[in-house]
Amino acid sequence: MSPGHVPLPQPESARPLPPEEFARWYGPWDPLTPASIAAFLDGFDRPWWIIGGWALEKATGVSRRHEDMDVSIAHHDAEALRVFLAERGWTTWNADSGWLRPFDERFREIRSSSGIWVRADALSPWVLDVPLTPFNGARWINKRLLSQERDLDEVTWIADDGLRYLNPEVVLFMKSAQVREKDIVDAEATLGLLDEHQRAWLRDSIAQLDPAHPWAA
């Protein structure tokens, strides 16, 4: 690889590292929770919303262990988040296609489909994972199905804790790409609670990518 070139994407054959191997290579996680994320992002004046397992736990009331904390922001707000966190002593890293590099004034280019990891310094645990969401102006774009554009209020909801969460059917659609053990647990807890509109959206969206996917049924 020539100096300055972006690393090659992670090969198709690569699999997620088990927790102990992940910690060995990248460092451990001590993630924020819904109880602490609001204070952490207090003063950040762009929209953000909780995604992943925490979003499903809030929607279903079914608890499980969480390895990290995921929130998302619009891709065009990545620089604003970087500056906001840097002013508060946090370092940001760009996670993209299986590799990590600093996301700072040296490396400010960031793809709209990548993410941001946050920690205080190299000796501290990761506290937050921020997968970016592509937007068309103010319109949310489904990163796995780019033909879908919706208003943010259509794909998120405000819970009784005052925080914004991604709709459960959209979380499951994102999880359908991997279907890890925890994703199966989440699907079993969530599918039966979706209304017919949510189930139809999930079924039709998954079928556009993989008609044979078990969740498409």
C-alpha atoms as a PDB file:
ATOM      1  CA  MET A   1       0.000   0.000   0.000  1.00  0.00           C
ATOM      2  CA  SER A   2       1.395   3.368  -0.977  1.00  0.00           C
ATOM      3  CA  PRO A   3       1.831   6.012   1.743  1.00  0.00           C
ATOM      4  CA  GLY A   4      -1.272   8.126   2.171  1.00  0.00           C
ATOM      5  CA  HIS A   5      -3.651   5.645   0.564  1.00  0.00           C
ATOM      6  CA  VAL A   6      -6.747   4.532   2.433  1.00  0.00           C
ATOM      7  CA  PRO A   7      -6.428   0.900   3.631  1.00  0.00           C
ATOM      8  CA  LEU A   8      -8.228  -1.770   1.644  1.00  0.00           C
ATOM      9  CA  PRO A   9     -11.696  -2.753   2.894  1.00  0.00           C
ATOM     10  CA  GLN A  10     -12.036  -5.639   5.295  1.00  0.00           C
ATOM     11  CA  PRO A  11     -12.262  -8.883   3.274  1.00  0.00           C
ATOM     12  CA  GLU A  12     -15.605 -10.651   2.976  1.00  0.00           C
ATOM     13  CA  SER A  13     -14.220 -13.648   4.867  1.00  0.00           C
ATOM     14  CA  ALA A  14     -13.413 -11.605   7.979  1.00  0.00           C
ATOM     15  CA  ARG A  15     -15.570 -12.194  11.044  1.00  0.00           C
ATOM     16  CA  PRO A  16     -16.139  -9.989  14.106  1.00  0.00           C
ATOM     17  CA  LEU A  17     -13.504 -10.531  16.762  1.00  0.00           C
ATOM     18  CA  PRO A  18     -14.629 -12.130  20.031  1.00  0.00           C
ATOM     19  CA  PRO A  19     -14.585  -9.658  22.958  1.00  0.00           C
ATOM     20  CA  GLU A  20     -11.240 -10.787  24.347  1.00  0.00           C
ATOM     21  CA  GLU A  21      -9.510 -10.495  20.958  1.00  0.00           C
ATOM     22  CA  PHE A  22     -11.166  -7.163  20.259  1.00  0.00           C
ATOM     23  CA  ALA A  23      -9.871  -5.781  23.555  1.00  0.00           C
ATOM     24  CA  ARG A  24      -6.382  -7.120  22.806  1.00  0.00           C
ATOM     25  CA  TRP A  25      -6.194  -5.293  19.471  1.00  0.00           C
ATOM     26  CA  TYR A  26      -8.298  -2.179  20.005  1.00  0.00           C
ATOM     27  CA  GLY A  27      -8.791  -1.801  23.753  1.00  0.00           C
ATOM     28  CA  PRO A  28     -11.780  -2.466  26.024  1.00  0.00           C
ATOM     29  CA  TRP A  29     -15.199  -0.846  26.152  1.00  0.00           C
ATOM     30  CA  ASP A  30     -16.770   0.873  29.140  1.00  0.00           C
ATOM     31  CA  PRO A  31     -19.808   2.228  27.329  1.00  0.00           C
ATOM     32  CA  LEU A  32     -22.177   4.964  28.226  1.00  0.00           C
ATOM     33  CA  THR A  33     -25.823   4.047  28.833  1.00  0.00           C
ATOM     34  CA  PRO A  34     -29.125   5.799  28.174  1.00  0.00           C
ATOM     35  CA  ALA A  35     -28.857   7.125  31.734  1.00  0.00           C
ATOM     36  CA  SER A  36     -25.553   8.900  31.005  1.00  0.00           C
ATOM     37  CA  ILE A  37     -25.623   9.736  27.286  1.00  0.00           C
ATOM     38  CA  ALA A  38     -27.755  12.871  27.622  1.00  0.00           C
ATOM     39  CA  ALA A  39     -25.256  14.526  29.964  1.00  0.00           C
ATOM     40  CA  PHE A  40     -22.360  13.410  27.742  1.00  0.00           C
ATOM     41  CA  LEU A  41     -23.876  15.096  24.675  1.00  0.00           C
ATOM     42  CA  ASP A  42     -25.364  18.055  26.521  1.00  0.00           C
ATOM     43  CA  GLY A  43     -24.647  21.136  24.392  1.00  0.00           C
ATOM     44  CA  PHE A  44     -24.305  19.293  21.100  1.00  0.00           C
ATOM     45  CA  ASP A  45     -26.823  21.176  18.997  1.00  0.00           C
ATOM     46  CA  ARG A  46     -27.389  18.660  16.201  1.00  0.00           C
ATOM     47  CA  PRO A  47     -29.948  15.802  16.160  1.00  0.00           C
ATOM     48  CA  TRP A  48     -28.816  12.467  17.588  1.00  0.00           C
ATOM     49  CA  TRP A  49     -30.672   9.273  18.401  1.00  0.00           C
ATOM     50  CA  ILE A  50     -29.984   5.946  20.106  1.00  0.00           C
ATOM     51  CA  ILE A  51     -29.812   2.894  17.849  1.00  0.00           C
ATOM     52  CA  GLY A  52     -28.914  -0.792  18.203  1.00  0.00           C
ATOM     53  CA  GLY A  53     -29.678  -2.985  21.175  1.00  0.00           C
ATOM     54  CA  TRP A  54     -30.429  -0.142  23.565  1.00  0.00           C
ATOM     55  CA  ALA A  55     -33.121   1.145  21.195  1.00  0.00           C
ATOM     56  CA  LEU A  56     -34.758  -2.278  21.122  1.00  0.00           C
ATOM     57  CA  GLU A  57     -34.542  -2.627  24.890  1.00  0.00           C
ATOM     58  CA  LYS A  58     -36.370   0.679  25.286  1.00  0.00           C
ATOM     59  CA  ALA A  59     -39.043  -0.355  22.783  1.00  0.00           C
ATOM     60  CA  THR A  60     -39.615  -3.853  24.204  1.00  0.00           C
ATOM     61  CA  GLY A  61     -38.693  -3.582  27.887  1.00  0.00           C
ATOM     62  CA  VAL A  62     -36.599  -6.744  27.469  1.00  0.00           C
ATOM     63  CA  SER A  63     -33.121  -6.319  28.988  1.00  0.00           C
ATOM     64  CA  ARG A  64     -29.895  -7.959  27.886  1.00  0.00           C
ATOM     65  CA  ARG A  65     -26.173  -7.296  28.231  1.00  0.00           C
ATOM     66  CA  HIS A  66     -24.858  -4.488  26.008  1.00  0.00           C
ATOM     67  CA  GLU A  67     -21.293  -4.462  24.716  1.00  0.00           C
ATOM     68  CA  ASP A  68     -21.371  -0.824  23.605  1.00  0.00           C
ATOM     69  CA  MET A  69     -23.513   2.267  23.253  1.00  0.00           C
ATOM     70  CA  ASP A  70     -24.581   3.284  19.739  1.00  0.00           C
ATOM     71  CA  VAL A  71     -26.045   6.618  18.767  1.00  0.00           C
ATOM     72  CA  SER A  72     -26.292   8.006  15.263  1.00  0.00           C
ATOM     73  CA  ILE A  73     -26.087  11.450  13.699  1.00  0.00           C
ATOM     74  CA  ALA A  74     -26.400  12.786  10.169  1.00  0.00           C
ATOM     75  CA  HIS A  75     -23.200  12.319   8.198  1.00  0.00           C
ATOM     76  CA  HIS A  76     -22.906  16.066   7.599  1.00  0.00           C
ATOM     77  CA  ASP A  77     -22.762  16.634  11.384  1.00  0.00           C
ATOM     78  CA  ALA A  78     -19.636  14.501  11.869  1.00  0.00           C
ATOM     79  CA  GLU A  79     -17.281  17.477  11.931  1.00  0.00           C
ATOM     80  CA  ALA A  80     -19.498  19.298  14.441  1.00  0.00           C
ATOM     81  CA  LEU A  81     -19.397  16.244  16.733  1.00  0.00           C
ATOM     82  CA  ARG A  82     -15.613  15.955  16.376  1.00  0.00           C
ATOM     83  CA  VAL A  83     -15.100  19.572  17.415  1.00  0.00           C
ATOM     84  CA  PHE A  84     -17.655  19.326  20.232  1.00  0.00           C
ATOM     85  CA  LEU A  85     -15.929  16.281  21.751  1.00  0.00           C
ATOM     86  CA  ALA A  86     -12.394  17.566  21.194  1.00  0.00           C
ATOM     87  CA  GLU A  87     -13.232  20.718  23.155  1.00  0.00           C
ATOM     88  CA  ARG A  88     -14.253  18.453  26.042  1.00  0.00           C
ATOM     89  CA  GLY A  89     -11.082  16.356  26.025  1.00  0.00           C
ATOM     90  CA  TRP A  90     -12.281  13.346  24.035  1.00  0.00           C
ATOM     91  CA  THR A  91     -10.543  11.771  21.052  1.00  0.00           C
ATOM     92  CA  THR A  92     -12.491  10.573  18.027  1.00  0.00           C
ATOM     93  CA  TRP A  93     -11.571   7.788  15.638  1.00  0.00           C
ATOM     94  CA  ASN A  94     -13.015   6.902  12.246  1.00  0.00           C
ATOM     95  CA  ALA A  95     -14.108   3.254  11.973  1.00  0.00           C
ATOM     96  CA  ASP A  96     -14.543   2.196   8.357  1.00  0.00           C
ATOM     97  CA  SER A  97     -14.425  -1.199   6.605  1.00  0.00           C
ATOM     98  CA  GLY A  98     -12.569  -2.931   9.416  1.00  0.00           C
ATOM     99  CA  TRP A  99      -9.936  -0.278  10.118  1.00  0.00           C
ATOM    100  CA  LEU A 100      -9.468   2.628  12.529  1.00  0.00           C
ATOM    101  CA  ARG A 101      -7.631   5.911  12.208  1.00  0.00           C
ATOM    102  CA  PRO A 102      -7.759   9.199  14.101  1.00  0.00           C
ATOM    103  CA  PHE A 103     -10.572  11.542  13.156  1.00  0.00           C
ATOM    104  CA  ASP A 104      -8.984  14.894  13.927  1.00  0.00           C
ATOM    105  CA  GLU A 105      -7.612  17.953  12.150  1.00  0.00           C
ATOM    106  CA  ARG A 106      -5.105  15.707  10.318  1.00  0.00           C
ATOM    107  CA  PHE A 107      -7.685  13.278   8.943  1.00  0.00           C
ATOM    108  CA  ARG A 108     -10.938  15.166   8.444  1.00  0.00           C
ATOM    109  CA  GLU A 109     -12.312  13.217   5.475  1.00  0.00           C
ATOM    110  CA  ILE A 110     -14.922  10.705   6.547  1.00  0.00           C
ATOM    111  CA  ARG A 111     -17.335   8.586   4.520  1.00  0.00           C
ATOM    112  CA  SER A 112     -21.060   8.983   5.134  1.00  0.00           C
ATOM    113  CA  SER A 113     -21.430   5.225   5.700  1.00  0.00           C
ATOM    114  CA  SER A 114     -18.634   4.944   8.285  1.00  0.00           C
ATOM    115  CA  GLY A 115     -18.629   5.622  12.012  1.00  0.00           C
ATOM    116  CA  ILE A 116     -16.932   7.413  14.884  1.00  0.00           C
ATOM    117  CA  TRP A 117     -15.555   5.761  18.026  1.00  0.00           C
ATOM    118  CA  VAL A 118     -14.931   7.863  21.111  1.00  0.00           C
ATOM    119  CA  ARG A 119     -12.523   7.537  24.055  1.00  0.00           C
ATOM    120  CA  ALA A 120     -10.512   9.911  26.242  1.00  0.00           C
ATOM    121  CA  ASP A 121      -7.051   8.696  25.179  1.00  0.00           C
ATOM    122  CA  ALA A 122      -5.147   5.587  24.127  1.00  0.00           C
ATOM    123  CA  LEU A 123      -5.059   4.234  27.696  1.00  0.00           C
ATOM    124  CA  SER A 124      -8.798   4.693  28.253  1.00  0.00           C
ATOM    125  CA  PRO A 125     -11.728   2.480  27.210  1.00  0.00           C
ATOM    126  CA  TRP A 126     -14.077   3.296  24.363  1.00  0.00           C
ATOM    127  CA  VAL A 127     -17.315   4.877  25.553  1.00  0.00           C
ATOM    128  CA  LEU A 128     -19.389   5.564  22.443  1.00  0.00           C
ATOM    129  CA  ASP A 129     -19.908   4.252  18.903  1.00  0.00           C
ATOM    130  CA  VAL A 130     -21.490   6.687  16.432  1.00  0.00           C
ATOM    131  CA  PRO A 131     -22.434   5.063  13.108  1.00  0.00           C
ATOM    132  CA  LEU A 132     -23.142   7.873  10.684  1.00  0.00           C
ATOM    133  CA  THR A 133     -26.415   8.040   8.788  1.00  0.00           C
ATOM    134  CA  PRO A 134     -26.466   9.498   5.267  1.00  0.00           C
ATOM    135  CA  PHE A 135     -28.893  12.365   4.758  1.00  0.00           C
ATOM    136  CA  ASN A 136     -30.264  14.141   1.710  1.00  0.00           C
ATOM    137  CA  GLY A 137     -30.613  17.616   3.120  1.00  0.00           C
ATOM    138  CA  ALA A 138     -32.912  17.077   6.110  1.00  0.00           C
ATOM    139  CA  ARG A 139     -34.104  13.665   4.900  1.00  0.00           C
ATOM    140  CA  TRP A 140     -32.924  10.415   6.518  1.00  0.00           C
ATOM    141  CA  ILE A 141     -31.537   7.859   4.028  1.00  0.00           C
ATOM    142  CA  ASN A 142     -31.545   4.130   4.732  1.00  0.00           C
ATOM    143  CA  LYS A 143     -27.840   3.284   4.462  1.00  0.00           C
ATOM    144  CA  ARG A 144     -28.631  -0.309   3.445  1.00  0.00           C
ATOM    145  CA  LEU A 145     -31.370   0.627   0.991  1.00  0.00           C
ATOM    146  CA  LEU A 146     -30.450   3.989  -0.470  1.00  0.00           C
ATOM    147  CA  SER A 147     -33.717   4.372  -2.358  1.00  0.00           C
ATOM    148  CA  GLN A 148     -35.527   4.912   0.953  1.00  0.00           C
ATOM    149  CA  GLU A 149     -35.714   8.496   2.201  1.00  0.00           C
ATOM    150  CA  ARG A 150     -37.900   9.565   5.118  1.00  0.00           C
ATOM    151  CA  ASP A 151     -38.226  12.409   7.597  1.00  0.00           C
ATOM    152  CA  LEU A 152     -36.285  11.764  10.791  1.00  0.00           C
ATOM    153  CA  ASP A 153     -39.507  11.927  12.833  1.00  0.00           C
ATOM    154  CA  GLU A 154     -40.879   9.010  10.798  1.00  0.00           C
ATOM    155  CA  VAL A 155     -38.040   6.635  11.691  1.00  0.00           C
ATOM    156  CA  THR A 156     -37.409   7.700  15.297  1.00  0.00           C
ATOM    157  CA  TRP A 157     -39.503   8.236  18.424  1.00  0.00           C
ATOM    158  CA  ILE A 158     -39.163  10.114  21.715  1.00  0.00           C
ATOM    159  CA  ALA A 159     -39.355   7.844  24.766  1.00  0.00           C
ATOM    160  CA  ASP A 160     -40.474   8.671  28.286  1.00  0.00           C
ATOM    161  CA  ASP A 161     -36.860   9.467  29.233  1.00  0.00           C
ATOM    162  CA  GLY A 162     -36.874  12.339  26.738  1.00  0.00           C
ATOM    163  CA  LEU A 163     -34.363  10.650  24.428  1.00  0.00           C
ATOM    164  CA  ARG A 164     -34.829   9.935  20.728  1.00  0.00           C
ATOM    165  CA  TYR A 165     -34.586   6.285  19.618  1.00  0.00           C
ATOM    166  CA  LEU A 166     -34.550   4.621  16.213  1.00  0.00           C
ATOM    167  CA  ASN A 167     -37.794   2.775  15.477  1.00  0.00           C
ATOM    168  CA  PRO A 168     -37.559  -0.949  16.343  1.00  0.00           C
ATOM    169  CA  GLU A 169     -38.391  -2.149  12.828  1.00  0.00           C
ATOM    170  CA  VAL A 170     -35.543  -0.026  11.441  1.00  0.00           C
ATOM    171  CA  VAL A 171     -33.132  -1.370  14.079  1.00  0.00           C
ATOM    172  CA  LEU A 172     -34.058  -4.928  13.097  1.00  0.00           C
ATOM    173  CA  PHE A 173     -33.563  -4.120   9.428  1.00  0.00           C
ATOM    174  CA  MET A 174     -30.025  -2.939  10.178  1.00  0.00           C
ATOM    175  CA  LYS A 175     -29.389  -6.033  12.310  1.00  0.00           C
ATOM    176  CA  SER A 176     -30.618  -8.330   9.531  1.00  0.00           C
ATOM    177  CA  ALA A 177     -27.322  -7.768   7.726  1.00  0.00           C
ATOM    178  CA  GLN A 178     -25.430  -9.927  10.243  1.00  0.00           C
ATOM    179  CA  VAL A 179     -27.888 -11.942  12.357  1.00  0.00           C
ATOM    180  CA  ARG A 180     -25.478 -12.630  15.199  1.00  0.00           C
ATOM    181  CA  GLU A 181     -26.651 -14.488  18.297  1.00  0.00           C
ATOM    182  CA  LYS A 182     -27.598 -11.228  20.019  1.00  0.00           C
ATOM    183  CA  ASP A 183     -29.498 -10.120  16.909  1.00  0.00           C
ATOM    184  CA  ILE A 184     -31.583 -13.298  17.014  1.00  0.00           C
ATOM    185  CA  VAL A 185     -32.354 -12.645  20.686  1.00  0.00           C
ATOM    186  CA  ASP A 186     -33.367  -9.083  19.808  1.00  0.00           C
ATOM    187  CA  ALA A 187     -35.574 -10.238  16.941  1.00  0.00           C
ATOM    188  CA  GLU A 188     -37.362 -12.806  19.105  1.00  0.00           C
ATOM    189  CA  ALA A 189     -38.094 -10.115  21.688  1.00  0.00           C
ATOM    190  CA  THR A 190     -39.215  -7.513  19.155  1.00  0.00           C
ATOM    191  CA  LEU A 191     -40.993  -9.049  16.175  1.00  0.00           C
ATOM    192  CA  GLY A 192     -44.137  -9.981  18.079  1.00  0.00           C
ATOM    193  CA  LEU A 193     -44.521  -6.418  19.379  1.00  0.00           C
ATOM    194  CA  LEU A 194     -44.452  -4.690  15.994  1.00  0.00           C
ATOM    195  CA  ASP A 195     -47.723  -3.487  14.545  1.00  0.00           C
ATOM    196  CA  GLU A 196     -48.791  -4.514  11.053  1.00  0.00           C
ATOM    197  CA  HIS A 197     -47.392  -1.365   9.444  1.00  0.00           C
ATOM    198  CA  GLN A 198     -43.993  -1.915  11.069  1.00  0.00           C
ATOM    199  CA  ARG A 199     -43.955  -5.605  10.144  1.00  0.00           C
ATOM    200  CA  ALA A 200     -44.885  -4.833   6.541  1.00  0.00           C
ATOM    201  CA  TRP A 201     -42.111  -2.232   6.263  1.00  0.00           C
ATOM    202  CA  LEU A 202     -39.542  -4.641   7.720  1.00  0.00           C
ATOM    203  CA  ARG A 203     -40.694  -7.549   5.561  1.00  0.00           C
ATOM    204  CA  ASP A 204     -40.704  -5.524   2.350  1.00  0.00           C
ATOM    205  CA  SER A 205     -37.378  -3.806   3.053  1.00  0.00           C
ATOM    206  CA  ILE A 206     -35.557  -7.045   3.834  1.00  0.00           C
ATOM    207  CA  ALA A 207     -37.114  -8.767   0.799  1.00  0.00           C
ATOM    208  CA  GLN A 208     -35.646  -6.096  -1.479  1.00  0.00           C
ATOM    209  CA  LEU A 209     -32.162  -7.186  -0.409  1.00  0.00           C
ATOM    210  CA  ASP A 210     -32.670 -10.870   0.389  1.00  0.00           C
ATOM    211  CA  PRO A 211     -36.059 -12.471  -0.310  1.00  0.00           C
ATOM    212  CA  ALA A 212     -34.861 -15.708   1.355  1.00  0.00           C
ATOM    213  CA  HIS A 213     -33.907 -14.003   4.631  1.00  0.00           C
ATOM    214  CA  PRO A 214     -35.751 -15.653   7.565  1.00  0.00           C
ATOM    215  CA  TRP A 215     -36.992 -12.281   8.858  1.00  0.00           C
ATOM    216  CA  ALA A 216     -38.622 -11.544   5.500  1.00  0.00           C
ATOM    217  CA  ALA A 217     -41.262 -14.112   6.401  1.00  0.00           C
END
